[in-house]
Full PDB file with SEQRES, HELIX, SHEET, SSBOND, CRYST1, ORIGX, SCALE, CONECT and MASTER records, all heavy atoms in Angstrom:
SEQRES   1 A   43  GLY ASP SER LEU GLY GLU GLY LEU SER GLU LEU ARG GLU          
SEQRES   2 A   43  GLN MET VAL ARG LEU THR LEU ARG VAL ASN ARG ILE SER          
SEQRES   3 A   43  SER TYR LEU GLY LEU GLU PRO MET VAL PRO PRO THR GLU          
SEQRES   4 A   43  LYS ASP THR PRO                                              
HELIX    1 AA1 ASP A    2  LEU A   29  1                                  28    
CRYST1    1.000    1.000    1.000  90.00  90.00  90.00 P 1           1          
ORIGX1      1.000000  0.000000  0.000000        0.00000                         
ORIGX2      0.000000  1.000000  0.000000        0.00000                         
ORIGX3      0.000000  0.000000  1.000000        0.00000                         
SCALE1      1.000000  0.000000  0.000000        0.00000                         
SCALE2      0.000000  1.000000  0.000000        0.00000                         
SCALE3      0.000000  0.000000  1.000000        0.00000                         
ATOM      1  N   GLY A   1       0.825  -1.211   0.000  1.00  0.00           N  
ATOM      2  CA  GLY A   1       0.000   0.000   0.000  1.00  0.00           C  
ATOM      3  C   GLY A   1       0.848   1.245   0.000  1.00  0.00           C  
ATOM      4  O   GLY A   1       0.549   2.217  -0.703  1.00  0.00           O  
ATOM      5  N   ASP A   2       1.932   1.219   0.790  1.00  0.00           N  
ATOM      6  CA  ASP A   2       2.836   2.367   0.805  1.00  0.00           C  
ATOM      7  C   ASP A   2       3.483   2.559  -0.565  1.00  0.00           C  
ATOM      8  O   ASP A   2       3.561   3.674  -1.071  1.00  0.00           O  
ATOM      9  CB  ASP A   2       3.916   2.192   1.872  1.00  0.00           C  
ATOM     10  CG  ASP A   2       3.361   2.278   3.282  1.00  0.00           C  
ATOM     11  OD1 ASP A   2       2.219   2.762   3.433  1.00  0.00           O  
ATOM     12  OD2 ASP A   2       4.065   1.844   4.224  1.00  0.00           O  
ATOM     13  N   SER A   3       3.944   1.448  -1.148  1.00  0.00           N  
ATOM     14  CA  SER A   3       4.600   1.564  -2.457  1.00  0.00           C  
ATOM     15  C   SER A   3       3.594   1.957  -3.538  1.00  0.00           C  
ATOM     16  O   SER A   3       3.931   2.728  -4.441  1.00  0.00           O  
ATOM     17  CB  SER A   3       5.312   0.261  -2.826  1.00  0.00           C  
ATOM     18  OG  SER A   3       4.389  -0.789  -2.994  1.00  0.00           O  
ATOM     19  N   LEU A   4       2.357   1.444  -3.446  1.00  0.00           N  
ATOM     20  CA  LEU A   4       1.333   1.853  -4.416  1.00  0.00           C  
ATOM     21  C   LEU A   4       0.993   3.326  -4.245  1.00  0.00           C  
ATOM     22  O   LEU A   4       0.799   4.045  -5.231  1.00  0.00           O  
ATOM     23  CB  LEU A   4       0.077   0.996  -4.268  1.00  0.00           C  
ATOM     24  CG  LEU A   4       0.171  -0.445  -4.747  1.00  0.00           C  
ATOM     25  CD1 LEU A   4      -1.120  -1.185  -4.450  1.00  0.00           C  
ATOM     26  CD2 LEU A   4       0.453  -0.490  -6.239  1.00  0.00           C  
ATOM     27  N   GLY A   5       0.919   3.774  -2.994  1.00  0.00           N  
ATOM     28  CA  GLY A   5       0.646   5.192  -2.748  1.00  0.00           C  
ATOM     29  C   GLY A   5       1.752   6.060  -3.302  1.00  0.00           C  
ATOM     30  O   GLY A   5       1.491   7.114  -3.910  1.00  0.00           O  
ATOM     31  N   GLU A   6       3.009   5.620  -3.095  1.00  0.00           N  
ATOM     32  CA  GLU A   6       4.142   6.368  -3.641  1.00  0.00           C  
ATOM     33  C   GLU A   6       4.096   6.357  -5.161  1.00  0.00           C  
ATOM     34  O   GLU A   6       4.320   7.383  -5.805  1.00  0.00           O  
ATOM     35  CB  GLU A   6       5.456   5.763  -3.153  1.00  0.00           C  
ATOM     36  CG  GLU A   6       5.716   5.949  -1.679  1.00  0.00           C  
ATOM     37  CD  GLU A   6       6.920   5.170  -1.183  1.00  0.00           C  
ATOM     38  OE1 GLU A   6       7.597   4.514  -2.014  1.00  0.00           O  
ATOM     39  OE2 GLU A   6       7.184   5.212   0.020  1.00  0.00           O  
ATOM     40  N   GLY A   7       3.802   5.185  -5.742  1.00  0.00           N  
ATOM     41  CA  GLY A   7       3.719   5.084  -7.200  1.00  0.00           C  
ATOM     42  C   GLY A   7       2.600   5.952  -7.750  1.00  0.00           C  
ATOM     43  O   GLY A   7       2.757   6.597  -8.794  1.00  0.00           O  
ATOM     44  N   LEU A   8       1.468   5.967  -7.039  1.00  0.00           N  
ATOM     45  CA  LEU A   8       0.342   6.783  -7.479  1.00  0.00           C  
ATOM     46  C   LEU A   8       0.692   8.271  -7.417  1.00  0.00           C  
ATOM     47  O   LEU A   8       0.389   9.025  -8.355  1.00  0.00           O  
ATOM     48  CB  LEU A   8      -0.892   6.501  -6.612  1.00  0.00           C  
ATOM     49  CG  LEU A   8      -2.183   7.193  -6.996  1.00  0.00           C  
ATOM     50  CD1 LEU A   8      -2.612   6.783  -8.401  1.00  0.00           C  
ATOM     51  CD2 LEU A   8      -3.271   6.870  -5.999  1.00  0.00           C  
ATOM     52  N   SER A   9       1.347   8.676  -6.364  1.00  0.00           N  
ATOM     53  CA  SER A   9       1.725  10.095  -6.274  1.00  0.00           C  
ATOM     54  C   SER A   9       2.749  10.433  -7.361  1.00  0.00           C  
ATOM     55  O   SER A   9       2.691  11.522  -7.948  1.00  0.00           O  
ATOM     56  CB  SER A   9       2.265  10.428  -4.891  1.00  0.00           C  
ATOM     57  OG  SER A   9       3.452   9.732  -4.628  1.00  0.00           O  
ATOM     58  N   GLU A  10       3.675   9.514  -7.645  1.00  0.00           N  
ATOM     59  CA  GLU A  10       4.633   9.748  -8.736  1.00  0.00           C  
ATOM     60  C   GLU A  10       3.922   9.858 -10.077  1.00  0.00           C  
ATOM     61  O   GLU A  10       4.268  10.700 -10.910  1.00  0.00           O  
ATOM     62  CB  GLU A  10       5.672   8.635  -8.777  1.00  0.00           C  
ATOM     63  CG  GLU A  10       6.655   8.666  -7.626  1.00  0.00           C  
ATOM     64  CD  GLU A  10       7.584   7.466  -7.620  1.00  0.00           C  
ATOM     65  OE1 GLU A  10       7.566   6.680  -8.600  1.00  0.00           O  
ATOM     66  OE2 GLU A  10       8.313   7.295  -6.637  1.00  0.00           O  
ATOM     67  N   LEU A  11       2.921   8.978 -10.288  1.00  0.00           N  
ATOM     68  CA  LEU A  11       2.161   9.037 -11.545  1.00  0.00           C  
ATOM     69  C   LEU A  11       1.386  10.344 -11.658  1.00  0.00           C  
ATOM     70  O   LEU A  11       1.294  10.930 -12.755  1.00  0.00           O  
ATOM     71  CB  LEU A  11       1.205   7.850 -11.643  1.00  0.00           C  
ATOM     72  CG  LEU A  11       1.836   6.500 -11.961  1.00  0.00           C  
ATOM     73  CD1 LEU A  11       0.784   5.397 -11.897  1.00  0.00           C  
ATOM     74  CD2 LEU A  11       2.475   6.520 -13.348  1.00  0.00           C  
ATOM     75  N   ARG A  12       0.834  10.811 -10.566  1.00  0.00           N  
ATOM     76  CA  ARG A  12       0.114  12.081 -10.604  1.00  0.00           C  
ATOM     77  C   ARG A  12       1.063  13.227 -10.956  1.00  0.00           C  
ATOM     78  O   ARG A  12       0.730  14.091 -11.774  1.00  0.00           O  
ATOM     79  CB  ARG A  12      -0.559  12.345  -9.255  1.00  0.00           C  
ATOM     80  CG  ARG A  12      -1.783  11.523  -9.030  1.00  0.00           C  
ATOM     81  CD  ARG A  12      -2.440  11.840  -7.717  1.00  0.00           C  
ATOM     82  NE  ARG A  12      -3.601  10.987  -7.509  1.00  0.00           N  
ATOM     83  CZ  ARG A  12      -4.097  10.684  -6.338  1.00  0.00           C  
ATOM     84  NH1 ARG A  12      -3.551  11.165  -5.239  1.00  0.00           N  
ATOM     85  NH2 ARG A  12      -5.153   9.899  -6.248  1.00  0.00           N  
ATOM     86  N   GLU A  13       2.230  13.228 -10.305  1.00  0.00           N  
ATOM     87  CA  GLU A  13       3.201  14.277 -10.600  1.00  0.00           C  
ATOM     88  C   GLU A  13       3.634  14.216 -12.060  1.00  0.00           C  
ATOM     89  O   GLU A  13       3.737  15.243 -12.743  1.00  0.00           O  
ATOM     90  CB  GLU A  13       4.427  14.128  -9.698  1.00  0.00           C  
ATOM     91  CG  GLU A  13       4.172  14.455  -8.246  1.00  0.00           C  
ATOM     92  CD  GLU A  13       5.363  14.131  -7.361  1.00  0.00           C  
ATOM     93  OE1 GLU A  13       6.451  13.808  -7.888  1.00  0.00           O  
ATOM     94  OE2 GLU A  13       5.198  14.205  -6.134  1.00  0.00           O  
ATOM     95  N   GLN A  14       3.862  13.008 -12.563  1.00  0.00           N  
ATOM     96  CA  GLN A  14       4.270  12.842 -13.956  1.00  0.00           C  
ATOM     97  C   GLN A  14       3.151  13.291 -14.890  1.00  0.00           C  
ATOM     98  O   GLN A  14       3.407  13.932 -15.914  1.00  0.00           O  
ATOM     99  CB  GLN A  14       4.641  11.377 -14.212  1.00  0.00           C  
ATOM    100  CG  GLN A  14       5.229  11.134 -15.581  1.00  0.00           C  
ATOM    101  CD  GLN A  14       5.629   9.679 -15.765  1.00  0.00           C  
ATOM    102  OE1 GLN A  14       5.317   8.826 -14.942  1.00  0.00           O  
ATOM    103  NE2 GLN A  14       6.317   9.395 -16.858  1.00  0.00           N  
ATOM    104  N   MET A  15       1.903  12.970 -14.539  1.00  0.00           N  
ATOM    105  CA  MET A  15       0.774  13.375 -15.370  1.00  0.00           C  
ATOM    106  C   MET A  15       0.667  14.905 -15.416  1.00  0.00           C  
ATOM    107  O   MET A  15       0.424  15.492 -16.478  1.00  0.00           O  
ATOM    108  CB  MET A  15      -0.531  12.784 -14.834  1.00  0.00           C  
ATOM    109  CG  MET A  15      -1.725  13.024 -15.742  1.00  0.00           C  
ATOM    110  SD  MET A  15      -3.223  12.266 -15.150  1.00  0.00           S  
ATOM    111  CE  MET A  15      -3.663  13.361 -13.836  1.00  0.00           C  
ATOM    112  N   VAL A  16       0.881  15.564 -14.296  1.00  0.00           N  
ATOM    113  CA  VAL A  16       0.834  17.030 -14.265  1.00  0.00           C  
ATOM    114  C   VAL A  16       1.943  17.592 -15.142  1.00  0.00           C  
ATOM    115  O   VAL A  16       1.722  18.520 -15.944  1.00  0.00           O  
ATOM    116  CB  VAL A  16       0.937  17.537 -12.812  1.00  0.00           C  
ATOM    117  CG1 VAL A  16       1.191  19.033 -12.763  1.00  0.00           C  
ATOM    118  CG2 VAL A  16      -0.321  17.179 -12.038  1.00  0.00           C  
ATOM    119  N   ARG A  17       3.157  17.032 -15.011  1.00  0.00           N  
ATOM    120  CA  ARG A  17       4.280  17.519 -15.835  1.00  0.00           C  
ATOM    121  C   ARG A  17       3.992  17.298 -17.319  1.00  0.00           C  
ATOM    122  O   ARG A  17       4.236  18.181 -18.149  1.00  0.00           O  
ATOM    123  CB  ARG A  17       5.572  16.794 -15.446  1.00  0.00           C  
ATOM    124  CG  ARG A  17       6.168  17.250 -14.136  1.00  0.00           C  
ATOM    125  CD  ARG A  17       7.589  16.715 -13.944  1.00  0.00           C  
ATOM    126  NE  ARG A  17       7.737  15.300 -14.175  1.00  0.00           N  
ATOM    127  CZ  ARG A  17       7.689  14.356 -13.218  1.00  0.00           C  
ATOM    128  NH1 ARG A  17       7.489  14.705 -11.970  1.00  0.00           N  
ATOM    129  NH2 ARG A  17       7.846  13.085 -13.519  1.00  0.00           N  
ATOM    130  N   LEU A  18       3.486  16.113 -17.675  1.00  0.00           N  
ATOM    131  CA  LEU A  18       3.199  15.826 -19.086  1.00  0.00           C  
ATOM    132  C   LEU A  18       2.067  16.702 -19.613  1.00  0.00           C  
ATOM    133  O   LEU A  18       2.105  17.144 -20.771  1.00  0.00           O  
ATOM    134  CB  LEU A  18       2.867  14.345 -19.259  1.00  0.00           C  
ATOM    135  CG  LEU A  18       4.033  13.379 -19.096  1.00  0.00           C  
ATOM    136  CD1 LEU A  18       3.540  11.937 -19.171  1.00  0.00           C  
ATOM    137  CD2 LEU A  18       5.098  13.625 -20.152  1.00  0.00           C  
ATOM    138  N   THR A  19       1.053  16.947 -18.785  1.00  0.00           N  
ATOM    139  CA  THR A  19      -0.041  17.813 -19.211  1.00  0.00           C  
ATOM    140  C   THR A  19       0.484  19.220 -19.480  1.00  0.00           C  
ATOM    141  O   THR A  19       0.128  19.846 -20.496  1.00  0.00           O  
ATOM    142  CB  THR A  19      -1.145  17.848 -18.141  1.00  0.00           C  
ATOM    143  OG1 THR A  19      -1.592  16.525 -17.890  1.00  0.00           O  
ATOM    144  CG2 THR A  19      -2.320  18.702 -18.573  1.00  0.00           C  
ATOM    145  N   LEU A  20       1.328  19.717 -18.592  1.00  0.00           N  
ATOM    146  CA  LEU A  20       1.926  21.039 -18.815  1.00  0.00           C  
ATOM    147  C   LEU A  20       2.765  21.040 -20.089  1.00  0.00           C  
ATOM    148  O   LEU A  20       2.717  21.981 -20.890  1.00  0.00           O  
ATOM    149  CB  LEU A  20       2.771  21.453 -17.612  1.00  0.00           C  
ATOM    150  CG  LEU A  20       2.010  21.795 -16.336  1.00  0.00           C  
ATOM    151  CD1 LEU A  20       2.984  22.014 -15.180  1.00  0.00           C  
ATOM    152  CD2 LEU A  20       1.145  23.020 -16.547  1.00  0.00           C  
ATOM    153  N   ARG A  21       3.529  19.981 -20.283  1.00  0.00           N  
ATOM    154  CA  ARG A  21       4.385  19.893 -21.476  1.00  0.00           C  
ATOM    155  C   ARG A  21       3.540  19.854 -22.748  1.00  0.00           C  
ATOM    156  O   ARG A  21       3.843  20.546 -23.728  1.00  0.00           O  
ATOM    157  CB  ARG A  21       5.261  18.648 -21.371  1.00  0.00           C  
ATOM    158  CG  ARG A  21       6.276  18.551 -22.453  1.00  0.00           C  
ATOM    159  CD  ARG A  21       7.195  17.391 -22.196  1.00  0.00           C  
ATOM    160  NE  ARG A  21       8.179  17.296 -23.246  1.00  0.00           N  
ATOM    161  CZ  ARG A  21       8.987  16.289 -23.402  1.00  0.00           C  
ATOM    162  NH1 ARG A  21       8.956  15.285 -22.539  1.00  0.00           N  
ATOM    163  NH2 ARG A  21       9.850  16.254 -24.380  1.00  0.00           N  
ATOM    164  N   VAL A  22       2.479  19.030 -22.742  1.00  0.00           N  
ATOM    165  CA  VAL A  22       1.600  18.931 -23.909  1.00  0.00           C  
ATOM    166  C   VAL A  22       0.949  20.281 -24.175  1.00  0.00           C  
ATOM    167  O   VAL A  22       0.840  20.728 -25.329  1.00  0.00           O  
ATOM    168  CB  VAL A  22       0.549  17.822 -23.715  1.00  0.00           C  
ATOM    169  CG1 VAL A  22      -0.571  17.925 -24.740  1.00  0.00           C  
ATOM    170  CG2 VAL A  22       1.201  16.459 -23.773  1.00  0.00           C  
ATOM    171  N   ASN A  23       0.530  20.974 -23.125  1.00  0.00           N  
ATOM    172  CA  ASN A  23      -0.102  22.289 -23.311  1.00  0.00           C  
ATOM    173  C   ASN A  23       0.898  23.285 -23.885  1.00  0.00           C  
ATOM    174  O   ASN A  23       0.557  24.080 -24.770  1.00  0.00           O  
ATOM    175  CB  ASN A  23      -0.688  22.802 -22.002  1.00  0.00           C  
ATOM    176  CG  ASN A  23      -1.945  22.050 -21.621  1.00  0.00           C  
ATOM    177  OD1 ASN A  23      -2.588  21.441 -22.464  1.00  0.00           O  
ATOM    178  ND2 ASN A  23      -2.295  22.092 -20.347  1.00  0.00           N  
ATOM    179  N   ARG A  24       2.153  23.259 -23.422  1.00  0.00           N  
ATOM    180  CA  ARG A  24       3.172  24.167 -23.966  1.00  0.00           C  
ATOM    181  C   ARG A  24       3.461  23.849 -25.427  1.00  0.00           C  
ATOM    182  O   ARG A  24       3.562  24.742 -26.266  1.00  0.00           O  
ATOM    183  CB  ARG A  24       4.462  24.058 -23.146  1.00  0.00           C  
ATOM    184  CG  ARG A  24       4.429  24.955 -21.935  1.00  0.00           C  
ATOM    185  CD  ARG A  24       5.787  24.996 -21.254  1.00  0.00           C  
ATOM    186  NE  ARG A  24       5.669  24.112 -20.093  1.00  0.00           N  
ATOM    187  CZ  ARG A  24       6.602  23.300 -19.640  1.00  0.00           C  
ATOM    188  NH1 ARG A  24       7.784  23.252 -20.204  1.00  0.00           N  
ATOM    189  NH2 ARG A  24       6.384  22.541 -18.596  1.00  0.00           N  
ATOM    190  N   ILE A  25       3.583  22.543 -25.728  1.00  0.00           N  
ATOM    191  CA  ILE A  25       3.843  22.149 -27.116  1.00  0.00           C  
ATOM    192  C   ILE A  25       2.659  22.514 -27.995  1.00  0.00           C  
ATOM    193  O   ILE A  25       2.831  23.020 -29.110  1.00  0.00           O  
ATOM    194  CB  ILE A  25       4.171  20.648 -27.200  1.00  0.00           C  
ATOM    195  CG1 ILE A  25       5.512  20.361 -26.526  1.00  0.00           C  
ATOM    196  CG2 ILE A  25       4.179  20.154 -28.634  1.00  0.00           C  
ATOM    197  CD1 ILE A  25       5.831  18.884 -26.380  1.00  0.00           C  
ATOM    198  N   SER A  26       1.434  22.278 -27.495  1.00  0.00           N  
ATOM    199  CA  SER A  26       0.237  22.619 -28.273  1.00  0.00           C  
ATOM    200  C   SER A  26       0.173  24.114 -28.537  1.00  0.00           C  
ATOM    201  O   SER A  26      -0.162  24.545 -29.647  1.00  0.00           O  
ATOM    202  CB  SER A  26      -1.025  22.174 -27.537  1.00  0.00           C  
ATOM    203  OG  SER A  26      -1.076  20.779 -27.442  1.00  0.00           O  
ATOM    204  N   SER A  27       0.476  24.907 -27.531  1.00  0.00           N  
ATOM    205  CA  SER A  27       0.435  26.355 -27.761  1.00  0.00           C  
ATOM    206  C   SER A  27       1.553  26.788 -28.698  1.00  0.00           C  
ATOM    207  O   SER A  27       1.375  27.706 -29.502  1.00  0.00           O  
ATOM    208  CB  SER A  27       0.499  27.104 -26.430  1.00  0.00           C  
ATOM    209  OG  SER A  27       1.756  26.914 -25.828  1.00  0.00           O  
ATOM    210  N   TYR A  28       2.715  26.157 -28.631  1.00  0.00           N  
ATOM    211  CA  TYR A  28       3.827  26.485 -29.525  1.00  0.00           C  
ATOM    212  C   TYR A  28       3.485  26.145 -30.963  1.00  0.00           C  
ATOM    213  O   TYR A  28       3.801  26.892 -31.886  1.00  0.00           O  
ATOM    214  CB  TYR A  28       5.079  25.734 -29.080  1.00  0.00           C  
ATOM    215  CG  TYR A  28       6.265  25.968 -29.979  1.00  0.00           C  
ATOM    216  CD1 TYR A  28       6.966  27.169 -29.923  1.00  0.00           C  
ATOM    217  CD2 TYR A  28       6.666  25.001 -30.889  1.00  0.00           C  
ATOM    218  CE1 TYR A  28       8.053  27.392 -30.744  1.00  0.00           C  
ATOM    219  CE2 TYR A  28       7.747  25.220 -31.718  1.00  0.00           C  
ATOM    220  CZ  TYR A  28       8.442  26.419 -31.645  1.00  0.00           C  
ATOM    221  OH  TYR A  28       9.513  26.641 -32.463  1.00  0.00           O  
ATOM    222  N   LEU A  29       2.825  24.965 -31.164  1.00  0.00           N  
ATOM    223  CA  LEU A  29       2.452  24.548 -32.519  1.00  0.00           C  
ATOM    224  C   LEU A  29       1.169  25.206 -32.992  1.00  0.00           C  
ATOM    225  O   LEU A  29       0.774  25.056 -34.141  1.00  0.00           O  
ATOM    226  CB  LEU A  29       2.302  23.024 -32.577  1.00  0.00           C  
ATOM    227  CG  LEU A  29       3.575  22.221 -32.365  1.00  0.00           C  
ATOM    228  CD1 LEU A  29       3.254  20.735 -32.335  1.00  0.00           C  
ATOM    229  CD2 LEU A  29       4.569  22.515 -33.479  1.00  0.00           C  
ATOM    230  N   GLY A  30       0.495  25.876 -32.100  1.00  0.00           N  
ATOM    231  CA  GLY A  30      -0.744  26.533 -32.478  1.00  0.00           C  
ATOM    232  C   GLY A  30      -1.917  25.574 -32.489  1.00  0.00           C  
ATOM    233  O   GLY A  30      -2.885  25.782 -33.210  1.00  0.00           O  
ATOM    234  N   LEU A  31      -1.846  24.543 -31.694  1.00  0.00           N  
ATOM    235  CA  LEU A  31      -2.944  23.579 -31.595  1.00  0.00           C  
ATOM    236  C   LEU A  31      -3.749  23.872 -30.337  1.00  0.00           C  
ATOM    237  O   LEU A  31      -3.229  24.345 -29.337  1.00  0.00           O  
ATOM    238  CB  LEU A  31      -2.403  22.152 -31.520  1.00  0.00           C  
ATOM    239  CG  LEU A  31      -1.547  21.686 -32.694  1.00  0.00           C  
ATOM    240  CD1 LEU A  31      -0.968  20.311 -32.384  1.00  0.00           C  
ATOM    241  CD2 LEU A  31      -2.379  21.614 -33.960  1.00  0.00           C  
ATOM    242  N   GLU A  32      -5.020  23.575 -30.450  1.00  0.00           N  
ATOM    243  CA  GLU A  32      -5.855  23.699 -29.261  1.00  0.00           C  
ATOM    244  C   GLU A  32      -5.598  22.478 -28.377  1.00  0.00           C  
ATOM    245  O   GLU A  32      -5.180  21.434 -28.866  1.00  0.00           O  
ATOM    246  CB  GLU A  32      -7.331  23.772 -29.657  1.00  0.00           C  
ATOM    247  CG  GLU A  32      -7.707  25.060 -30.333  1.00  0.00           C  
ATOM    248  CD  GLU A  32      -9.195  25.121 -30.617  1.00  0.00           C  
ATOM    249  OE1 GLU A  32      -9.953  24.304 -30.059  1.00  0.00           O  
ATOM    250  OE2 GLU A  32      -9.584  25.985 -31.402  1.00  0.00           O  
ATOM    251  N   PRO A  33      -5.863  22.597 -27.113  1.00  0.00           N  
ATOM    252  CA  PRO A  33      -5.707  21.430 -26.240  1.00  0.00           C  
ATOM    253  C   PRO A  33      -6.610  20.290 -26.695  1.00  0.00           C  
ATOM    254  O   PRO A  33      -7.546  20.497 -27.465  1.00  0.00           O  
ATOM    255  CB  PRO A  33      -6.128  21.939 -24.867  1.00  0.00           C  
ATOM    256  CG  PRO A  33      -6.100  23.417 -24.951  1.00  0.00           C  
ATOM    257  CD  PRO A  33      -6.267  23.772 -26.399  1.00  0.00           C  
ATOM    258  N   MET A  34      -6.328  19.119 -26.226  1.00  0.00           N  
ATOM    259  CA  MET A  34      -7.096  17.932 -26.605  1.00  0.00           C  
ATOM    260  C   MET A  34      -8.558  18.125 -26.246  1.00  0.00           C  
ATOM    261  O   MET A  34      -8.889  18.591 -25.161  1.00  0.00           O  
ATOM    262  CB  MET A  34      -6.565  16.698 -25.882  1.00  0.00           C  
ATOM    263  CG  MET A  34      -5.112  16.382 -26.205  1.00  0.00           C  
ATOM    264  SD  MET A  34      -4.890  15.968 -27.890  1.00  0.00           S  
ATOM    265  CE  MET A  34      -4.922  14.232 -27.790  1.00  0.00           C  
ATOM    266  N   VAL A  35      -9.433  17.744 -27.200  1.00  0.00           N  
ATOM    267  CA  VAL A  35     -10.866  17.892 -26.988  1.00  0.00           C  
ATOM    268  C   VAL A  35     -11.437  16.507 -26.710  1.00  0.00           C  
ATOM    269  O   VAL A  35     -11.251  15.589 -27.512  1.00  0.00           O  
ATOM    270  CB  VAL A  35     -11.543  18.502 -28.236  1.00  0.00           C  
ATOM    271  CG1 VAL A  35     -13.044  18.581 -28.050  1.00  0.00           C  
ATOM    272  CG2 VAL A  35     -10.943  19.844 -28.542  1.00  0.00           C  
ATOM    273  N   PRO A  36     -12.119  16.344 -25.579  1.00  0.00           N  
ATOM    274  CA  PRO A  36     -12.728  15.033 -25.337  1.00  0.00           C  
ATOM    275  C   PRO A  36     -13.880  14.806 -26.296  1.00  0.00           C  
ATOM    276  O   PRO A  36     -14.556  15.750 -26.699  1.00  0.00           O  
ATOM    277  CB  PRO A  36     -13.213  15.118 -23.884  1.00  0.00           C  
ATOM    278  CG  PRO A  36     -13.338  16.562 -23.590  1.00  0.00           C  
ATOM    279  CD  PRO A  36     -12.362  17.269 -24.481  1.00  0.00           C  
ATOM    280  N   PRO A  37     -14.113  13.566 -26.713  1.00  0.00           N  
ATOM    281  CA  PRO A  37     -15.187  13.288 -27.667  1.00  0.00           C  
ATOM    282  C   PRO A  37     -16.552  13.519 -27.038  1.00  0.00           C  
ATOM    283  O   PRO A  37     -16.745  13.320 -25.853  1.00  0.00           O  
ATOM    284  CB  PRO A  37     -14.979  11.820 -28.020  1.00  0.00           C  
ATOM    285  CG  PRO A  37     -14.247  11.245 -26.862  1.00  0.00           C  
ATOM    286  CD  PRO A  37     -13.412  12.347 -26.308  1.00  0.00           C  
ATOM    287  N   THR A  38     -17.481  13.965 -27.865  1.00  0.00           N  
ATOM    288  CA  THR A  38     -18.851  14.146 -27.401  1.00  0.00           C  
ATOM    289  C   THR A  38     -19.630  12.884 -27.702  1.00  0.00           C  
ATOM    290  O   THR A  38     -19.140  11.965 -28.351  1.00  0.00           O  
ATOM    291  CB  THR A  38     -19.497  15.344 -28.114  1.00  0.00           C  
ATOM    292  OG1 THR A  38     -19.523  15.071 -29.517  1.00  0.00           O  
ATOM    293  CG2 THR A  38     -18.733  16.628 -27.840  1.00  0.00           C  
ATOM    294  N   GLU A  39     -20.853  12.870 -27.264  1.00  0.00           N  
ATOM    295  CA  GLU A  39     -21.661  11.678 -27.498  1.00  0.00           C  
ATOM    296  C   GLU A  39     -22.025  11.539 -28.977  1.00  0.00           C  
ATOM    297  O   GLU A  39     -22.203  10.444 -29.473  1.00  0.00           O  
ATOM    298  CB  GLU A  39     -22.932  11.734 -26.639  1.00  0.00           C  
ATOM    299  CG  GLU A  39     -22.650  11.502 -25.175  1.00  0.00           C  
ATOM    300  CD  GLU A  39     -23.920  11.453 -24.356  1.00  0.00           C  
ATOM    301  OE1 GLU A  39     -24.993  11.210 -24.917  1.00  0.00           O  
ATOM    302  OE2 GLU A  39     -23.824  11.658 -23.146  1.00  0.00           O  
ATOM    303  N   LYS A  40     -22.139  12.658 -29.677  1.00  0.00           N  
ATOM    304  CA  LYS A  40     -22.445  12.584 -31.110  1.00  0.00           C  
ATOM    305  C   LYS A  40     -21.241  12.053 -31.863  1.00  0.00           C  
ATOM    306  O   LYS A  40     -21.369  11.210 -32.732  1.00  0.00           O  
ATOM    307  CB  LYS A  40     -22.819  13.974 -31.646  1.00  0.00           C  
ATOM    308  CG  LYS A  40     -24.096  14.512 -31.111  1.00  0.00           C  
ATOM    309  CD  LYS A  40     -24.346  15.885 -31.681  1.00  0.00           C  
ATOM    310  CE  LYS A  40     -25.554  16.540 -31.054  1.00  0.00           C  
ATOM    311  NZ  LYS A  40     -25.766  17.889 -31.540  1.00  0.00           N  
ATOM    312  N   ASP A  41     -20.083  12.594 -31.548  1.00  0.00           N  
ATOM    313  CA  ASP A  41     -18.848  12.162 -32.206  1.00  0.00           C  
ATOM    314  C   ASP A  41     -18.188  11.149 -31.290  1.00  0.00           C  
ATOM    315  O   ASP A  41     -17.774  11.481 -30.194  1.00  0.00           O  
ATOM    316  CB  ASP A  41     -17.892  13.346 -32.402  1.00  0.00           C  
ATOM    317  CG  ASP A  41     -18.543  14.476 -33.192  1.00  0.00           C  
ATOM    318  OD1 ASP A  41     -19.400  14.164 -34.029  1.00  0.00           O  
ATOM    319  OD2 ASP A  41     -18.188  15.644 -32.932  1.00  0.00           O  
ATOM    320  N   THR A  42     -18.061   9.947 -31.770  1.00  0.00           N  
ATOM    321  CA  THR A  42     -17.455   8.913 -30.940  1.00  0.00           C  
ATOM    322  C   THR A  42     -16.213   8.365 -31.625  1.00  0.00           C  
ATOM    323  O   THR A  42     -16.174   7.217 -32.047  1.00  0.00           O  
ATOM    324  CB  THR A  42     -18.451   7.762 -30.675  1.00  0.00           C  
ATOM    325  OG1 THR A  42     -18.913   7.291 -31.933  1.00  0.00           O  
ATOM    326  CG2 THR A  42     -19.591   8.200 -29.800  1.00  0.00           C  
ATOM    327  N   PRO A  43     -15.168   9.182 -31.781  1.00  0.00           N  
ATOM    328  CA  PRO A  43     -13.941   8.641 -32.362  1.00  0.00           C  
ATOM    329  C   PRO A  43     -13.227   7.764 -31.340  1.00  0.00           C  
ATOM    330  O   PRO A  43     -13.508   7.807 -30.154  1.00  0.00           O  
ATOM    331  CB  PRO A  43     -13.113   9.882 -32.696  1.00  0.00           C  
ATOM    332  CG  PRO A  43     -13.613  10.935 -31.767  1.00  0.00           C  
ATOM    333  CD  PRO A  43     -15.064  10.613 -31.526  1.00  0.00           C  
TER     334      PRO A  43                                                      
MASTER        0    0    0    1    0    0    0    6  333    1    0    4          
END                                                                             
């Protein structure tokens, strides 16, 4: 449980870093952030 908690916190930190990185890259390339699919569009 301790190791899973540590792993989970590491994954959260990594997800935050990657989200920030993706947002910076998207803004640099002129892309909008990822759009979640709607119920009409189910890609």
